[in-house]
Amino acid sequence: MPGWVLQAPDDFLSAMMQSYFDGDGNVSCTPGHYRICCHSVSKTLIEMVSLCLARFGIPCYICLLYTSDAADEGLGVDLGG
């Protein structure tokens, strides 16, 4: 995600974030815990997603992801509680 996105108008940024989560997002539901997530091996992309969400006042946190296959490890942005 290029840096100029952070200066883009709200409607453009909102549509871009919607497209990203439509394609790469997922929902996790466990008893008493619901969250919306996206994952990437790109630290820069995850940081940009976090900054874009912050611009809209959407709290999130960045987490490390570990799997049994090291090639699938990366970072995630989680929204929820």
C-alpha atoms as a PDB file:
ATOM      1  CA  MET A   1       0.000   0.000   0.000  1.00  0.00           C
ATOM      2  CA  PRO A   2       1.639   3.262  -1.055  1.00  0.00           C
ATOM      3  CA  GLY A   3       2.168   6.013   1.501  1.00  0.00           C
ATOM      4  CA  TRP A   4       0.023   8.542  -0.394  1.00  0.00           C
ATOM      5  CA  VAL A   5      -3.041   6.511   0.621  1.00  0.00           C
ATOM      6  CA  LEU A   6      -2.860   8.128   4.064  1.00  0.00           C
ATOM      7  CA  GLN A   7      -3.525  11.532   2.457  1.00  0.00           C
ATOM      8  CA  ALA A   8      -6.334  10.266   0.218  1.00  0.00           C
ATOM      9  CA  PRO A   9      -9.933  11.438   0.778  1.00  0.00           C
ATOM     10  CA  ASP A  10     -11.971   9.463   3.326  1.00  0.00           C
ATOM     11  CA  ASP A  11     -14.298   7.927   0.736  1.00  0.00           C
ATOM     12  CA  PHE A  12     -11.352   6.639  -1.318  1.00  0.00           C
ATOM     13  CA  LEU A  13      -9.581   5.233   1.732  1.00  0.00           C
ATOM     14  CA  SER A  14     -12.780   3.644   3.021  1.00  0.00           C
ATOM     15  CA  ALA A  15     -13.351   1.899  -0.322  1.00  0.00           C
ATOM     16  CA  MET A  16      -9.737   0.746  -0.425  1.00  0.00           C
ATOM     17  CA  MET A  17      -9.944  -0.716   3.093  1.00  0.00           C
ATOM     18  CA  GLN A  18     -13.250  -2.404   2.273  1.00  0.00           C
ATOM     19  CA  SER A  19     -11.684  -3.988  -0.806  1.00  0.00           C
ATOM     20  CA  TYR A  20      -8.676  -5.172   1.178  1.00  0.00           C
ATOM     21  CA  PHE A  21     -10.778  -6.785   3.917  1.00  0.00           C
ATOM     22  CA  ASP A  22     -13.186  -8.255   1.325  1.00  0.00           C
ATOM     23  CA  GLY A  23     -10.250 -10.008  -0.309  1.00  0.00           C
ATOM     24  CA  ASP A  24      -7.874 -10.761   2.565  1.00  0.00           C
ATOM     25  CA  GLY A  25      -9.999 -10.436   5.696  1.00  0.00           C
ATOM     26  CA  ASN A  26     -11.693 -13.089   7.756  1.00  0.00           C
ATOM     27  CA  VAL A  27     -13.924 -13.396  10.791  1.00  0.00           C
ATOM     28  CA  SER A  28     -13.081 -15.548  13.784  1.00  0.00           C
ATOM     29  CA  CYS A  29     -15.863 -16.570  16.156  1.00  0.00           C
ATOM     30  CA  THR A  30     -15.280 -18.438  19.373  1.00  0.00           C
ATOM     31  CA  PRO A  31     -17.600 -18.421  22.399  1.00  0.00           C
ATOM     32  CA  GLY A  32     -17.534 -14.889  23.809  1.00  0.00           C
ATOM     33  CA  HIS A  33     -14.844 -13.700  21.378  1.00  0.00           C
ATOM     34  CA  TYR A  34     -15.416 -12.302  17.914  1.00  0.00           C
ATOM     35  CA  ARG A  35     -12.839 -10.602  15.733  1.00  0.00           C
ATOM     36  CA  ILE A  36     -12.178  -9.386  12.224  1.00  0.00           C
ATOM     37  CA  CYS A  37      -8.660 -10.094  10.989  1.00  0.00           C
ATOM     38  CA  CYS A  38      -6.342  -9.740   8.057  1.00  0.00           C
ATOM     39  CA  HIS A  39      -2.920 -11.332   7.703  1.00  0.00           C
ATOM     40  CA  SER A  40       0.182 -10.673   5.657  1.00  0.00           C
ATOM     41  CA  VAL A  41       3.882 -11.493   5.618  1.00  0.00           C
ATOM     42  CA  SER A  42       4.493  -7.799   4.834  1.00  0.00           C
ATOM     43  CA  LYS A  43       5.142  -5.786   7.996  1.00  0.00           C
ATOM     44  CA  THR A  44       4.798  -2.552   6.012  1.00  0.00           C
ATOM     45  CA  LEU A  45       1.365  -3.527   4.688  1.00  0.00           C
ATOM     46  CA  ILE A  46       0.090  -4.487   8.142  1.00  0.00           C
ATOM     47  CA  GLU A  47       1.385  -1.215   9.615  1.00  0.00           C
ATOM     48  CA  MET A  48      -0.322   0.765   6.834  1.00  0.00           C
ATOM     49  CA  VAL A  49      -3.613  -1.056   7.412  1.00  0.00           C
ATOM     50  CA  SER A  50      -3.336  -0.225  11.112  1.00  0.00           C
ATOM     51  CA  LEU A  51      -2.704   3.469  10.343  1.00  0.00           C
ATOM     52  CA  CYS A  52      -5.647   3.578   7.935  1.00  0.00           C
ATOM     53  CA  LEU A  53      -7.964   2.054  10.536  1.00  0.00           C
ATOM     54  CA  ALA A  54      -6.712   4.541  13.149  1.00  0.00           C
ATOM     55  CA  ARG A  55      -7.627   7.395  10.817  1.00  0.00           C
ATOM     56  CA  PHE A  56     -11.259   6.252  11.095  1.00  0.00           C
ATOM     57  CA  GLY A  57     -10.998   5.788  14.869  1.00  0.00           C
ATOM     58  CA  ILE A  58     -11.087   1.985  14.598  1.00  0.00           C
ATOM     59  CA  PRO A  59      -8.949   0.388  17.306  1.00  0.00           C
ATOM     60  CA  CYS A  60      -6.873  -2.611  16.339  1.00  0.00           C
ATOM     61  CA  TYR A  61      -3.737  -4.414  17.336  1.00  0.00           C
ATOM     62  CA  ILE A  62      -0.919  -6.012  15.403  1.00  0.00           C
ATOM     63  CA  CYS A  63      -0.056  -9.563  16.358  1.00  0.00           C
ATOM     64  CA  LEU A  64       2.557 -12.111  15.343  1.00  0.00           C
ATOM     65  CA  LEU A  65       1.216 -15.243  13.705  1.00  0.00           C
ATOM     66  CA  TYR A  66       2.870 -18.596  14.145  1.00  0.00           C
ATOM     67  CA  THR A  67       1.979 -21.735  12.227  1.00  0.00           C
ATOM     68  CA  SER A  68       3.403 -25.199  11.883  1.00  0.00           C
ATOM     69  CA  ASP A  69       4.743 -24.097   8.491  1.00  0.00           C
ATOM     70  CA  ALA A  70       7.266 -21.278   8.929  1.00  0.00           C
ATOM     71  CA  ALA A  71       6.530 -20.104   5.371  1.00  0.00           C
ATOM     72  CA  ASP A  72       2.997 -19.131   6.492  1.00  0.00           C
ATOM     73  CA  GLU A  73       4.104 -17.065   9.490  1.00  0.00           C
ATOM     74  CA  GLY A  74       3.539 -13.347   9.394  1.00  0.00           C
ATOM     75  CA  LEU A  75       1.658 -10.514  11.028  1.00  0.00           C
ATOM     76  CA  GLY A  76      -2.009  -9.847  11.525  1.00  0.00           C
ATOM     77  CA  VAL A  77      -4.289  -6.914  12.254  1.00  0.00           C
ATOM     78  CA  ASP A  78      -7.115  -7.855  14.613  1.00  0.00           C
ATOM     79  CA  LEU A  79     -10.244  -5.867  15.374  1.00  0.00           C
ATOM     80  CA  GLY A  80     -12.522  -7.150  18.063  1.00  0.00           C
ATOM     81  CA  GLY A  81     -12.652  -8.319  21.582  1.00  0.00           C
END
